[in-house]
Amino acid sequence: RQFQKLANAAEKAFADRAILLDKNKLLFEQNNEKTTRSSTRSTVVGTAKVMTYDDILEVQRKRDMKEARTTGAKIAGRRRQTTATGRSRKSCVEELEYGRHEIKALGLKKYCSVLLL
């Protein structure tokens, strides 16, 4: 019985030591990563701009307006992009106007509206 107690205590001590060594190894690796990362020089690849959601909407609106102007001018030699079904793709502004026109034609103006997302 006393021998079993001694064996259990030794097993627990070895397990605790193994856990401690594993934890120390992990911390050592993390410290090495930090040292390596801080010793290397950073390379500037380009510049970036942090944009808010409003900025993104503004850029999309400008792009759609520009796209609407260029498609209205009918540039020679350039065709509209088509989808896999063969229908031509519409810009956001064109889709908005088409939806409004359909609602008005069907007399559903009181019940429906078109949202620009």
PDB file of N, CA and C in Angstrom:
ATOM      1  N   ARG A   1       0.814  -1.194   0.000  1.00  0.00           N
ATOM      2  CA  ARG A   1       0.000   0.000   0.000  1.00  0.00           C
ATOM      3  C   ARG A   1       0.865   1.270   0.000  1.00  0.00           C
ATOM      4  N   GLN A   2       1.894   1.307   0.809  1.00  0.00           N
ATOM      5  CA  GLN A   2       2.785   2.464   0.842  1.00  0.00           C
ATOM      6  C   GLN A   2       3.563   2.578  -0.468  1.00  0.00           C
ATOM      7  N   PHE A   3       3.873   1.425  -1.044  1.00  0.00           N
ATOM      8  CA  PHE A   3       4.576   1.452  -2.326  1.00  0.00           C
ATOM      9  C   PHE A   3       3.676   2.072  -3.411  1.00  0.00           C
ATOM     10  N   GLN A   4       2.383   1.775  -3.367  1.00  0.00           N
ATOM     11  CA  GLN A   4       1.434   2.341  -4.334  1.00  0.00           C
ATOM     12  C   GLN A   4       1.334   3.854  -4.161  1.00  0.00           C
ATOM     13  N   LYS A   5       1.326   4.347  -2.914  1.00  0.00           N
ATOM     14  CA  LYS A   5       1.302   5.784  -2.658  1.00  0.00           C
ATOM     15  C   LYS A   5       2.539   6.450  -3.236  1.00  0.00           C
ATOM     16  N   LEU A   6       3.697   5.828  -3.051  1.00  0.00           N
ATOM     17  CA  LEU A   6       4.947   6.368  -3.565  1.00  0.00           C
ATOM     18  C   LEU A   6       4.930   6.409  -5.094  1.00  0.00           C
ATOM     19  N   ALA A   7       4.413   5.358  -5.712  1.00  0.00           N
ATOM     20  CA  ALA A   7       4.334   5.298  -7.174  1.00  0.00           C
ATOM     21  C   ALA A   7       3.400   6.389  -7.708  1.00  0.00           C
ATOM     22  N   ASN A   8       2.260   6.589  -7.065  1.00  0.00           N
ATOM     23  CA  ASN A   8       1.316   7.631  -7.494  1.00  0.00           C
ATOM     24  C   ASN A   8       1.925   9.025  -7.341  1.00  0.00           C
ATOM     25  N   ALA A   9       2.631   9.261  -6.267  1.00  0.00           N
ATOM     26  CA  ALA A   9       3.269  10.558  -6.044  1.00  0.00           C
ATOM     27  C   ALA A   9       4.339  10.819  -7.101  1.00  0.00           C
ATOM     28  N   ALA A  10       5.125   9.787  -7.420  1.00  0.00           N
ATOM     29  CA  ALA A  10       6.165   9.942  -8.436  1.00  0.00           C
ATOM     30  C   ALA A  10       5.539  10.219  -9.801  1.00  0.00           C
ATOM     31  N   GLU A  11       4.457   9.511 -10.123  1.00  0.00           N
ATOM     32  CA  GLU A  11       3.782   9.710 -11.405  1.00  0.00           C
ATOM     33  C   GLU A  11       3.236  11.136 -11.505  1.00  0.00           C
ATOM     34  N   LYS A  12       2.659  11.623 -10.421  1.00  0.00           N
ATOM     35  CA  LYS A  12       2.123  12.991 -10.403  1.00  0.00           C
ATOM     36  C   LYS A  12       3.253  14.012 -10.561  1.00  0.00           C
ATOM     37  N   ALA A  13       4.372  13.779  -9.914  1.00  0.00           N
ATOM     38  CA  ALA A  13       5.507  14.697 -10.010  1.00  0.00           C
ATOM     39  C   ALA A  13       6.042  14.741 -11.438  1.00  0.00           C
ATOM     40  N   PHE A  14       6.155  13.568 -12.090  1.00  0.00           N
ATOM     41  CA  PHE A  14       6.632  13.523 -13.477  1.00  0.00           C
ATOM     42  C   PHE A  14       5.662  14.228 -14.419  1.00  0.00           C
ATOM     43  N   ALA A  15       4.353  14.059 -14.182  1.00  0.00           N
ATOM     44  CA  ALA A  15       3.348  14.713 -15.027  1.00  0.00           C
ATOM     45  C   ALA A  15       3.423  16.232 -14.866  1.00  0.00           C
ATOM     46  N   ASP A  16       3.541  16.702 -13.615  1.00  0.00           N
ATOM     47  CA  ASP A  16       3.669  18.139 -13.373  1.00  0.00           C
ATOM     48  C   ASP A  16       4.910  18.703 -14.048  1.00  0.00           C
ATOM     49  N   ARG A  17       6.010  17.967 -13.966  1.00  0.00           N
ATOM     50  CA  ARG A  17       7.261  18.411 -14.587  1.00  0.00           C
ATOM     51  C   ARG A  17       7.136  18.466 -16.107  1.00  0.00           C
ATOM     52  N   ALA A  18       6.466  17.470 -16.683  1.00  0.00           N
ATOM     53  CA  ALA A  18       6.275  17.444 -18.136  1.00  0.00           C
ATOM     54  C   ALA A  18       5.431  18.637 -18.591  1.00  0.00           C
ATOM     55  N   ILE A  19       4.392  18.928 -17.836  1.00  0.00           N
ATOM     56  CA  ILE A  19       3.525  20.078 -18.175  1.00  0.00           C
ATOM     57  C   ILE A  19       4.319  21.373 -18.068  1.00  0.00           C
ATOM     58  N   LEU A  20       5.122  21.514 -17.037  1.00  0.00           N
ATOM     59  CA  LEU A  20       5.923  22.719 -16.837  1.00  0.00           C
ATOM     60  C   LEU A  20       6.950  22.886 -17.964  1.00  0.00           C
ATOM     61  N   LEU A  21       7.608  21.800 -18.343  1.00  0.00           N
ATOM     62  CA  LEU A  21       8.587  21.871 -19.434  1.00  0.00           C
ATOM     63  C   LEU A  21       7.915  22.240 -20.755  1.00  0.00           C
ATOM     64  N   ASP A  22       6.747  21.675 -21.005  1.00  0.00           N
ATOM     65  CA  ASP A  22       6.023  21.981 -22.230  1.00  0.00           C
ATOM     66  C   ASP A  22       5.620  23.455 -22.276  1.00  0.00           C
ATOM     67  N   LYS A  23       5.171  23.970 -21.150  1.00  0.00           N
ATOM     68  CA  LYS A  23       4.782  25.381 -21.066  1.00  0.00           C
ATOM     69  C   LYS A  23       5.995  26.288 -21.283  1.00  0.00           C
ATOM     70  N   ASN A  24       7.127  25.930 -20.672  1.00  0.00           N
ATOM     71  CA  ASN A  24       8.350  26.718 -20.846  1.00  0.00           C
ATOM     72  C   ASN A  24       8.816  26.703 -22.294  1.00  0.00           C
ATOM     73  N   LYS A  25       8.694  25.555 -22.952  1.00  0.00           N
ATOM     74  CA  LYS A  25       9.093  25.445 -24.359  1.00  0.00           C
ATOM     75  C   LYS A  25       8.222  26.351 -25.228  1.00  0.00           C
ATOM     76  N   LEU A  26       6.918  26.345 -24.968  1.00  0.00           N
ATOM     77  CA  LEU A  26       5.997  27.192 -25.724  1.00  0.00           C
ATOM     78  C   LEU A  26       6.320  28.673 -25.531  1.00  0.00           C
ATOM     79  N   LEU A  27       6.557  29.081 -24.300  1.00  0.00           N
ATOM     80  CA  LEU A  27       6.897  30.480 -24.022  1.00  0.00           C
ATOM     81  C   LEU A  27       8.218  30.868 -24.665  1.00  0.00           C
ATOM     82  N   PHE A  28       9.182  29.956 -24.675  1.00  0.00           N
ATOM     83  CA  PHE A  28      10.473  30.223 -25.304  1.00  0.00           C
ATOM     84  C   PHE A  28      10.300  30.445 -26.810  1.00  0.00           C
ATOM     85  N   GLU A  29       9.482  29.610 -27.452  1.00  0.00           N
ATOM     86  CA  GLU A  29       9.231  29.772 -28.897  1.00  0.00           C
ATOM     87  C   GLU A  29       8.535  31.090 -29.189  1.00  0.00           C
ATOM     88  N   GLN A  30       7.563  31.457 -28.353  1.00  0.00           N
ATOM     89  CA  GLN A  30       6.864  32.731 -28.552  1.00  0.00           C
ATOM     90  C   GLN A  30       7.825  33.900 -28.394  1.00  0.00           C
ATOM     91  N   ASN A  31       8.718  33.831 -27.424  1.00  0.00           N
ATOM     92  CA  ASN A  31       9.685  34.897 -27.215  1.00  0.00           C
ATOM     93  C   ASN A  31      10.643  34.996 -28.396  1.00  0.00           C
ATOM     94  N   ASN A  32      11.054  33.864 -28.948  1.00  0.00           N
ATOM     95  CA  ASN A  32      11.934  33.867 -30.113  1.00  0.00           C
ATOM     96  C   ASN A  32      11.247  34.500 -31.315  1.00  0.00           C
ATOM     97  N   GLU A  33       9.959  34.197 -31.516  1.00  0.00           N
ATOM     98  CA  GLU A  33       9.221  34.808 -32.623  1.00  0.00           C
ATOM     99  C   GLU A  33       9.210  36.323 -32.481  1.00  0.00           C
ATOM    100  N   LYS A  34       8.960  36.811 -31.283  1.00  0.00           N
ATOM    101  CA  LYS A  34       8.907  38.253 -31.048  1.00  0.00           C
ATOM    102  C   LYS A  34      10.267  38.882 -31.332  1.00  0.00           C
ATOM    103  N   THR A  35      11.334  38.238 -30.871  1.00  0.00           N
ATOM    104  CA  THR A  35      12.677  38.764 -31.082  1.00  0.00           C
ATOM    105  C   THR A  35      13.014  38.800 -32.565  1.00  0.00           C
ATOM    106  N   THR A  36      12.687  37.732 -33.272  1.00  0.00           N
ATOM    107  CA  THR A  36      12.960  37.674 -34.708  1.00  0.00           C
ATOM    108  C   THR A  36      12.169  38.731 -35.450  1.00  0.00           C
ATOM    109  N   ARG A  37      10.892  38.864 -35.111  1.00  0.00           N
ATOM    110  CA  ARG A  37      10.031  39.823 -35.788  1.00  0.00           C
ATOM    111  C   ARG A  37      10.501  41.251 -35.551  1.00  0.00           C
ATOM    112  N   SER A  38      10.936  41.554 -34.329  1.00  0.00           N
ATOM    113  CA  SER A  38      11.346  42.924 -34.034  1.00  0.00           C
ATOM    114  C   SER A  38      12.728  43.239 -34.601  1.00  0.00           C
ATOM    115  N   SER A  39      13.550  42.222 -34.841  1.00  0.00           N
ATOM    116  CA  SER A  39      14.902  42.484 -35.359  1.00  0.00           C
ATOM    117  C   SER A  39      14.911  42.656 -36.872  1.00  0.00           C
ATOM    118  N   THR A  40      13.903  42.120 -37.586  1.00  0.00           N
ATOM    119  CA  THR A  40      13.873  42.284 -39.041  1.00  0.00           C
ATOM    120  C   THR A  40      13.274  43.629 -39.397  1.00  0.00           C
ATOM    121  N   ARG A  41      13.771  44.202 -40.487  1.00  0.00           N
ATOM    122  CA  ARG A  41      13.263  45.498 -40.930  1.00  0.00           C
ATOM    123  C   ARG A  41      11.973  45.298 -41.705  1.00  0.00           C
ATOM    124  N   SER A  42      11.028  46.198 -41.520  1.00  0.00           N
ATOM    125  CA  SER A  42       9.776  46.097 -42.258  1.00  0.00           C
ATOM    126  C   SER A  42       9.957  46.683 -43.655  1.00  0.00           C
ATOM    127  N   THR A  43       9.281  46.088 -44.619  1.00  0.00           N
ATOM    128  CA  THR A  43       9.369  46.536 -46.000  1.00  0.00           C
ATOM    129  C   THR A  43       8.061  47.198 -46.375  1.00  0.00           C
ATOM    130  N   VAL A  44       8.131  48.415 -46.891  1.00  0.00           N
ATOM    131  CA  VAL A  44       6.935  49.132 -47.304  1.00  0.00           C
ATOM    132  C   VAL A  44       6.635  48.737 -48.739  1.00  0.00           C
ATOM    133  N   VAL A  45       5.496  48.085 -48.950  1.00  0.00           N
ATOM    134  CA  VAL A  45       5.124  47.620 -50.276  1.00  0.00           C
ATOM    135  C   VAL A  45       4.339  48.687 -51.018  1.00  0.00           C
ATOM    136  N   GLY A  46       3.454  49.355 -50.333  1.00  0.00           N
ATOM    137  CA  GLY A  46       2.637  50.389 -50.956  1.00  0.00           C
ATOM    138  C   GLY A  46       1.919  51.179 -49.874  1.00  0.00           C
ATOM    139  N   THR A  47       1.022  52.033 -50.305  1.00  0.00           N
ATOM    140  CA  THR A  47       0.262  52.808 -49.340  1.00  0.00           C
ATOM    141  C   THR A  47      -1.182  52.349 -49.361  1.00  0.00           C
ATOM    142  N   ALA A  48      -1.850  52.493 -48.274  1.00  0.00           N
ATOM    143  CA  ALA A  48      -3.252  52.097 -48.167  1.00  0.00           C
ATOM    144  C   ALA A  48      -4.028  53.214 -47.483  1.00  0.00           C
ATOM    145  N   LYS A  49      -5.319  53.206 -47.705  1.00  0.00           N
ATOM    146  CA  LYS A  49      -6.171  54.220 -47.099  1.00  0.00           C
ATOM    147  C   LYS A  49      -7.264  53.505 -46.319  1.00  0.00           C
ATOM    148  N   VAL A  50      -7.471  53.925 -45.109  1.00  0.00           N
ATOM    149  CA  VAL A  50      -8.552  53.377 -44.305  1.00  0.00           C
ATOM    150  C   VAL A  50      -9.825  54.096 -44.724  1.00  0.00           C
ATOM    151  N   MET A  51     -10.819  53.318 -45.156  1.00  0.00           N
ATOM    152  CA  MET A  51     -12.050  53.910 -45.673  1.00  0.00           C
ATOM    153  C   MET A  51     -13.225  53.555 -44.780  1.00  0.00           C
ATOM    154  N   THR A  52     -14.084  54.526 -44.571  1.00  0.00           N
ATOM    155  CA  THR A  52     -15.320  54.261 -43.858  1.00  0.00           C
ATOM    156  C   THR A  52     -16.347  53.746 -44.862  1.00  0.00           C
ATOM    157  N   TYR A  53     -17.461  53.271 -44.364  1.00  0.00           N
ATOM    158  CA  TYR A  53     -18.511  52.773 -45.246  1.00  0.00           C
ATOM    159  C   TYR A  53     -19.023  53.898 -46.146  1.00  0.00           C
ATOM    160  N   ASP A  54     -19.114  55.109 -45.618  1.00  0.00           N
ATOM    161  CA  ASP A  54     -19.567  56.250 -46.419  1.00  0.00           C
ATOM    162  C   ASP A  54     -18.605  56.537 -47.564  1.00  0.00           C
ATOM    163  N   ASP A  55     -17.280  56.404 -47.301  1.00  0.00           N
ATOM    164  CA  ASP A  55     -16.288  56.597 -48.361  1.00  0.00           C
ATOM    165  C   ASP A  55     -16.483  55.574 -49.475  1.00  0.00           C
ATOM    166  N   ILE A  56     -16.746  54.333 -49.097  1.00  0.00           N
ATOM    167  CA  ILE A  56     -16.942  53.270 -50.086  1.00  0.00           C
ATOM    168  C   ILE A  56     -18.174  53.553 -50.934  1.00  0.00           C
ATOM    169  N   LEU A  57     -19.253  53.985 -50.289  1.00  0.00           N
ATOM    170  CA  LEU A  57     -20.467  54.316 -51.033  1.00  0.00           C
ATOM    171  C   LEU A  57     -20.227  55.474 -51.998  1.00  0.00           C
ATOM    172  N   GLU A  58     -19.464  56.462 -51.565  1.00  0.00           N
ATOM    173  CA  GLU A  58     -19.161  57.616 -52.414  1.00  0.00           C
ATOM    174  C   GLU A  58     -18.359  57.186 -53.646  1.00  0.00           C
ATOM    175  N   VAL A  59     -17.367  56.328 -53.440  1.00  0.00           N
ATOM    176  CA  VAL A  59     -16.550  55.848 -54.556  1.00  0.00           C
ATOM    177  C   VAL A  59     -17.403  55.026 -55.520  1.00  0.00           C
ATOM    178  N   GLN A  60     -18.297  54.179 -54.983  1.00  0.00           N
ATOM    179  CA  GLN A  60     -19.177  53.388 -55.845  1.00  0.00           C
ATOM    180  C   GLN A  60     -20.096  54.297 -56.657  1.00  0.00           C
ATOM    181  N   ARG A  61     -20.623  55.325 -56.015  1.00  0.00           N
ATOM    182  CA  ARG A  61     -21.511  56.247 -56.721  1.00  0.00           C
ATOM    183  C   ARG A  61     -20.773  56.951 -57.850  1.00  0.00           C
ATOM    184  N   LYS A  62     -19.552  57.411 -57.578  1.00  0.00           N
ATOM    185  CA  LYS A  62     -18.762  58.085 -58.616  1.00  0.00           C
ATOM    186  C   LYS A  62     -18.455  57.142 -59.766  1.00  0.00           C
ATOM    187  N   ARG A  63     -18.113  55.883 -59.433  1.00  0.00           N
ATOM    188  CA  ARG A  63     -17.800  54.914 -60.475  1.00  0.00           C
ATOM    189  C   ARG A  63     -19.030  54.622 -61.329  1.00  0.00           C
ATOM    190  N   ASP A  64     -20.204  54.501 -60.689  1.00  0.00           N
ATOM    191  CA  ASP A  64     -21.424  54.245 -61.441  1.00  0.00           C
ATOM    192  C   ASP A  64     -21.786  55.416 -62.342  1.00  0.00           C
ATOM    193  N   MET A  65     -21.587  56.631 -61.851  1.00  0.00           N
ATOM    194  CA  MET A  65     -21.863  57.806 -62.681  1.00  0.00           C
ATOM    195  C   MET A  65     -20.926  57.839 -63.882  1.00  0.00           C
ATOM    196  N   LYS A  66     -19.656  57.536 -63.652  1.00  0.00           N
ATOM    197  CA  LYS A  66     -18.682  57.523 -64.741  1.00  0.00           C
ATOM    198  C   LYS A  66     -19.037  56.427 -65.742  1.00  0.00           C
ATOM    199  N   GLU A  67     -19.439  55.274 -65.230  1.00  0.00           N
ATOM    200  CA  GLU A  67     -19.809  54.156 -66.087  1.00  0.00           C
ATOM    201  C   GLU A  67     -21.049  54.497 -66.907  1.00  0.00           C
ATOM    202  N   ALA A  68     -22.009  55.186 -66.286  1.00  0.00           N
ATOM    203  CA  ALA A  68     -23.227  55.567 -66.991  1.00  0.00           C
ATOM    204  C   ALA A  68     -22.917  56.547 -68.120  1.00  0.00           C
ATOM    205  N   ARG A  69     -21.964  57.445 -67.892  1.00  0.00           N
ATOM    206  CA  ARG A  69     -21.572  58.402 -68.933  1.00  0.00           C
ATOM    207  C   ARG A  69     -20.891  57.703 -70.101  1.00  0.00           C
ATOM    208  N   THR A  70     -20.016  56.750 -69.799  1.00  0.00           N
ATOM    209  CA  THR A  70     -19.280  56.073 -70.878  1.00  0.00           C
ATOM    210  C   THR A  70     -20.180  55.139 -71.669  1.00  0.00           C
ATOM    211  N   THR A  71     -21.138  54.468 -71.035  1.00  0.00           N
ATOM    212  CA  THR A  71     -22.040  53.594 -71.785  1.00  0.00           C
ATOM    213  C   THR A  71     -23.026  54.411 -72.596  1.00  0.00           C
ATOM    214  N   GLY A  72     -23.349  55.609 -72.119  1.00  0.00           N
ATOM    215  CA  GLY A  72     -24.255  56.476 -72.868  1.00  0.00           C
ATOM    216  C   GLY A  72     -23.580  57.061 -74.096  1.00  0.00           C
ATOM    217  N   ALA A  73     -22.272  57.182 -74.071  1.00  0.00           N
ATOM    218  CA  ALA A  73     -21.541  57.771 -75.194  1.00  0.00           C
ATOM    219  C   ALA A  73     -21.347  56.773 -76.315  1.00  0.00           C
ATOM    220  N   LYS A  74     -21.594  55.474 -76.079  1.00  0.00           N
ATOM    221  CA  LYS A  74     -21.455  54.424 -77.085  1.00  0.00           C
ATOM    222  C   LYS A  74     -20.067  54.443 -77.707  1.00  0.00           C
ATOM    223  N   ILE A  75     -19.110  54.023 -76.962  1.00  0.00           N
ATOM    224  CA  ILE A  75     -17.729  53.987 -77.425  1.00  0.00           C
ATOM    225  C   ILE A  75     -17.616  52.960 -78.545  1.00  0.00           C
ATOM    226  N   ALA A  76     -16.994  53.347 -79.650  1.00  0.00           N
ATOM    227  CA  ALA A  76     -16.880  52.472 -80.819  1.00  0.00           C
ATOM    228  C   ALA A  76     -15.970  51.287 -80.519  1.00  0.00           C
ATOM    229  N   GLY A  77     -16.393  50.121 -80.983  1.00  0.00           N
ATOM    230  CA  GLY A  77     -15.571  48.932 -80.832  1.00  0.00           C
ATOM    231  C   GLY A  77     -15.655  48.290 -79.461  1.00  0.00           C
ATOM    232  N   ARG A  78     -16.473  48.778 -78.621  1.00  0.00           N
ATOM    233  CA  ARG A  78     -16.564  48.230 -77.268  1.00  0.00           C
ATOM    234  C   ARG A  78     -17.986  47.755 -77.011  1.00  0.00           C
ATOM    235  N   ARG A  79     -18.122  46.495 -76.587  1.00  0.00           N
ATOM    236  CA  ARG A  79     -19.433  45.941 -76.319  1.00  0.00           C
ATOM    237  C   ARG A  79     -19.662  45.854 -74.820  1.00  0.00           C
ATOM    238  N   ARG A  80     -20.910  45.807 -74.418  1.00  0.00           N
ATOM    239  CA  ARG A  80     -21.232  45.649 -73.001  1.00  0.00           C
ATOM    240  C   ARG A  80     -20.893  44.234 -72.572  1.00  0.00           C
ATOM    241  N   GLN A  81     -20.541  44.094 -71.305  1.00  0.00           N
ATOM    242  CA  GLN A  81     -20.238  42.772 -70.780  1.00  0.00           C
ATOM    243  C   GLN A  81     -21.522  41.972 -70.694  1.00  0.00           C
ATOM    244  N   THR A  82     -21.402  40.672 -70.969  1.00  0.00           N
ATOM    245  CA  THR A  82     -22.573  39.815 -70.876  1.00  0.00           C
ATOM    246  C   THR A  82     -22.363  38.783 -69.792  1.00  0.00           C
ATOM    247  N   THR A  83     -23.466  38.336 -69.226  1.00  0.00           N
ATOM    248  CA  THR A  83     -23.396  37.308 -68.195  1.00  0.00           C
ATOM    249  C   THR A  83     -23.393  35.941 -68.860  1.00  0.00           C
ATOM    250  N   ALA A  84     -23.358  34.887 -68.063  1.00  0.00           N
ATOM    251  CA  ALA A  84     -23.340  33.527 -68.599  1.00  0.00           C
ATOM    252  C   ALA A  84     -24.620  33.211 -69.360  1.00  0.00           C
ATOM    253  N   THR A  85     -25.717  33.867 -69.026  1.00  0.00           N
ATOM    254  CA  THR A  85     -26.992  33.609 -69.713  1.00  0.00           C
ATOM    255  C   THR A  85     -27.090  34.363 -71.020  1.00  0.00           C
ATOM    256  N   GLY A  86     -26.140  35.237 -71.303  1.00  0.00           N
ATOM    257  CA  GLY A  86     -26.153  35.975 -72.554  1.00  0.00           C
ATOM    258  C   GLY A  86     -26.760  37.358 -72.439  1.00  0.00           C
ATOM    259  N   ARG A  87     -27.337  37.688 -71.296  1.00  0.00           N
ATOM    260  CA  ARG A  87     -27.900  39.024 -71.107  1.00  0.00           C
ATOM    261  C   ARG A  87     -26.786  39.991 -70.754  1.00  0.00           C
ATOM    262  N   SER A  88     -26.934  41.233 -71.173  1.00  0.00           N
ATOM    263  CA  SER A  88     -25.901  42.216 -70.871  1.00  0.00           C
ATOM    264  C   SER A  88     -26.028  42.680 -69.430  1.00  0.00           C
ATOM    265  N   ARG A  89     -24.890  42.981 -68.803  1.00  0.00           N
ATOM    266  CA  ARG A  89     -24.877  43.446 -67.420  1.00  0.00           C
ATOM    267  C   ARG A  89     -25.214  44.925 -67.384  1.00  0.00           C
ATOM    268  N   LYS A  90     -25.964  45.317 -66.368  1.00  0.00           N
ATOM    269  CA  LYS A  90     -26.342  46.722 -66.216  1.00  0.00           C
ATOM    270  C   LYS A  90     -25.580  47.315 -65.042  1.00  0.00           C
ATOM    271  N   SER A  91     -25.324  48.592 -65.127  1.00  0.00           N
ATOM    272  CA  SER A  91     -24.697  49.259 -63.995  1.00  0.00           C
ATOM    273  C   SER A  91     -25.742  49.450 -62.905  1.00  0.00           C
ATOM    274  N   CYS A  92     -25.280  49.840 -61.745  1.00  0.00           N
ATOM    275  CA  CYS A  92     -26.173  50.036 -60.597  1.00  0.00           C
ATOM    276  C   CYS A  92     -27.213  51.117 -60.905  1.00  0.00           C
ATOM    277  N   VAL A  93     -26.795  52.178 -61.571  1.00  0.00           N
ATOM    278  CA  VAL A  93     -27.704  53.281 -61.896  1.00  0.00           C
ATOM    279  C   VAL A  93     -28.765  52.812 -62.887  1.00  0.00           C
ATOM    280  N   GLU A  94     -28.342  52.008 -63.890  1.00  0.00           N
ATOM    281  CA  GLU A  94     -29.296  51.513 -64.876  1.00  0.00           C
ATOM    282  C   GLU A  94     -30.324  50.593 -64.234  1.00  0.00           C
ATOM    283  N   GLU A  95     -29.862  49.717 -63.337  1.00  0.00           N
ATOM    284  CA  GLU A  95     -30.780  48.814 -62.650  1.00  0.00           C
ATOM    285  C   GLU A  95     -31.772  49.588 -61.793  1.00  0.00           C
ATOM    286  N   LEU A  96     -31.291  50.638 -61.142  1.00  0.00           N
ATOM    287  CA  LEU A  96     -32.156  51.470 -60.308  1.00  0.00           C
ATOM    288  C   LEU A  96     -33.252  52.117 -61.151  1.00  0.00           C
ATOM    289  N   GLU A  97     -32.874  52.700 -62.273  1.00  0.00           N
ATOM    290  CA  GLU A  97     -33.847  53.346 -63.151  1.00  0.00           C
ATOM    291  C   GLU A  97     -34.821  52.331 -63.739  1.00  0.00           C
ATOM    292  N   TYR A  98     -34.325  51.156 -64.101  1.00  0.00           N
ATOM    293  CA  TYR A  98     -35.184  50.114 -64.658  1.00  0.00           C
ATOM    294  C   TYR A  98     -36.226  49.675 -63.631  1.00  0.00           C
ATOM    295  N   GLY A  99     -35.797  49.483 -62.383  1.00  0.00           N
ATOM    296  CA  GLY A  99     -36.727  49.089 -61.329  1.00  0.00           C
ATOM    297  C   GLY A  99     -37.789  50.145 -61.082  1.00  0.00           C
ATOM    298  N   ARG A 100     -37.385  51.401 -61.043  1.00  0.00           N
ATOM    299  CA  ARG A 100     -38.347  52.491 -60.843  1.00  0.00           C
ATOM    300  C   ARG A 100     -39.354  52.559 -61.993  1.00  0.00           C
ATOM    301  N   HIS A 101     -38.853  52.361 -63.216  1.00  0.00           N
ATOM    302  CA  HIS A 101     -39.718  52.395 -64.400  1.00  0.00           C
ATOM    303  C   HIS A 101     -40.748  51.262 -64.348  1.00  0.00           C
ATOM    304  N   GLU A 102     -40.317  50.048 -63.960  1.00  0.00           N
ATOM    305  CA  GLU A 102     -41.234  48.912 -63.869  1.00  0.00           C
ATOM    306  C   GLU A 102     -42.321  49.151 -62.819  1.00  0.00           C
ATOM    307  N   ILE A 103     -41.931  49.671 -61.668  1.00  0.00           N
ATOM    308  CA  ILE A 103     -42.901  49.936 -60.602  1.00  0.00           C
ATOM    309  C   ILE A 103     -43.934  50.948 -61.068  1.00  0.00           C
ATOM    310  N   LYS A 104     -43.456  51.987 -61.748  1.00  0.00           N
ATOM    311  CA  LYS A 104     -44.365  53.020 -62.243  1.00  0.00           C
ATOM    312  C   LYS A 104     -45.292  52.449 -63.316  1.00  0.00           C
ATOM    313  N   ALA A 105     -44.761  51.608 -64.227  1.00  0.00           N
ATOM    314  CA  ALA A 105     -45.553  51.037 -65.308  1.00  0.00           C
ATOM    315  C   ALA A 105     -46.636  50.098 -64.782  1.00  0.00           C
ATOM    316  N   LEU A 106     -46.348  49.372 -63.713  1.00  0.00           N
ATOM    317  CA  LEU A 106     -47.321  48.433 -63.155  1.00  0.00           C
ATOM    318  C   LEU A 106     -48.292  49.097 -62.185  1.00  0.00           C
ATOM    319  N   GLY A 107     -48.089  50.370 -61.881  1.00  0.00           N
ATOM    320  CA  GLY A 107     -48.975  51.095 -60.984  1.00  0.00           C
ATOM    321  C   GLY A 107     -48.811  50.689 -59.525  1.00  0.00           C
ATOM    322  N   LEU A 108     -47.606  50.285 -59.148  1.00  0.00           N
ATOM    323  CA  LEU A 108     -47.345  49.834 -57.781  1.00  0.00           C
ATOM    324  C   LEU A 108     -46.558  50.854 -56.969  1.00  0.00           C
ATOM    325  N   LYS A 109     -46.597  52.103 -57.392  1.00  0.00           N
ATOM    326  CA  LYS A 109     -45.798  53.134 -56.735  1.00  0.00           C
ATOM    327  C   LYS A 109     -46.149  53.300 -55.259  1.00  0.00           C
ATOM    328  N   LYS A 110     -47.429  53.083 -54.899  1.00  0.00           N
ATOM    329  CA  LYS A 110     -47.851  53.218 -53.493  1.00  0.00           C
ATOM    330  C   LYS A 110     -47.316  52.085 -52.637  1.00  0.00           C
ATOM    331  N   TYR A 111     -47.054  50.926 -53.260  1.00  0.00           N
ATOM    332  CA  TYR A 111     -46.718  49.720 -52.503  1.00  0.00           C
ATOM    333  C   TYR A 111     -45.245  49.325 -52.569  1.00  0.00           C
ATOM    334  N   CYS A 112     -44.533  49.793 -53.562  1.00  0.00           N
ATOM    335  CA  CYS A 112     -43.140  49.352 -53.771  1.00  0.00           C
ATOM    336  C   CYS A 112     -42.200  50.547 -53.873  1.00  0.00           C
ATOM    337  N   SER A 113     -40.942  50.272 -53.606  1.00  0.00           N
ATOM    338  CA  SER A 113     -39.900  51.278 -53.815  1.00  0.00           C
ATOM    339  C   SER A 113     -38.605  50.545 -54.127  1.00  0.00           C
ATOM    340  N   VAL A 114     -37.651  51.274 -54.651  1.00  0.00           N
ATOM    341  CA  VAL A 114     -36.349  50.702 -54.993  1.00  0.00           C
ATOM    342  C   VAL A 114     -35.325  51.336 -54.053  1.00  0.00           C
ATOM    343  N   LEU A 115     -34.544  50.493 -53.390  1.00  0.00           N
ATOM    344  CA  LEU A 115     -33.531  50.970 -52.483  1.00  0.00           C
ATOM    345  C   LEU A 115     -32.157  50.843 -53.118  1.00  0.00           C
ATOM    346  N   LEU A 116     -31.332  51.827 -52.950  1.00  0.00           N
ATOM    347  CA  LEU A 116     -29.966  51.798 -53.431  1.00  0.00           C
ATOM    348  C   LEU A 116     -29.079  51.382 -52.274  1.00  0.00           C
ATOM    349  N   LEU A 117     -28.464  50.207 -52.370  1.00  0.00           N
ATOM    350  CA  LEU A 117     -27.628  49.693 -51.293  1.00  0.00           C
ATOM    351  C   LEU A 117     -26.169  49.891 -51.588  1.00  0.00           C
TER     352      LEU A 117
END
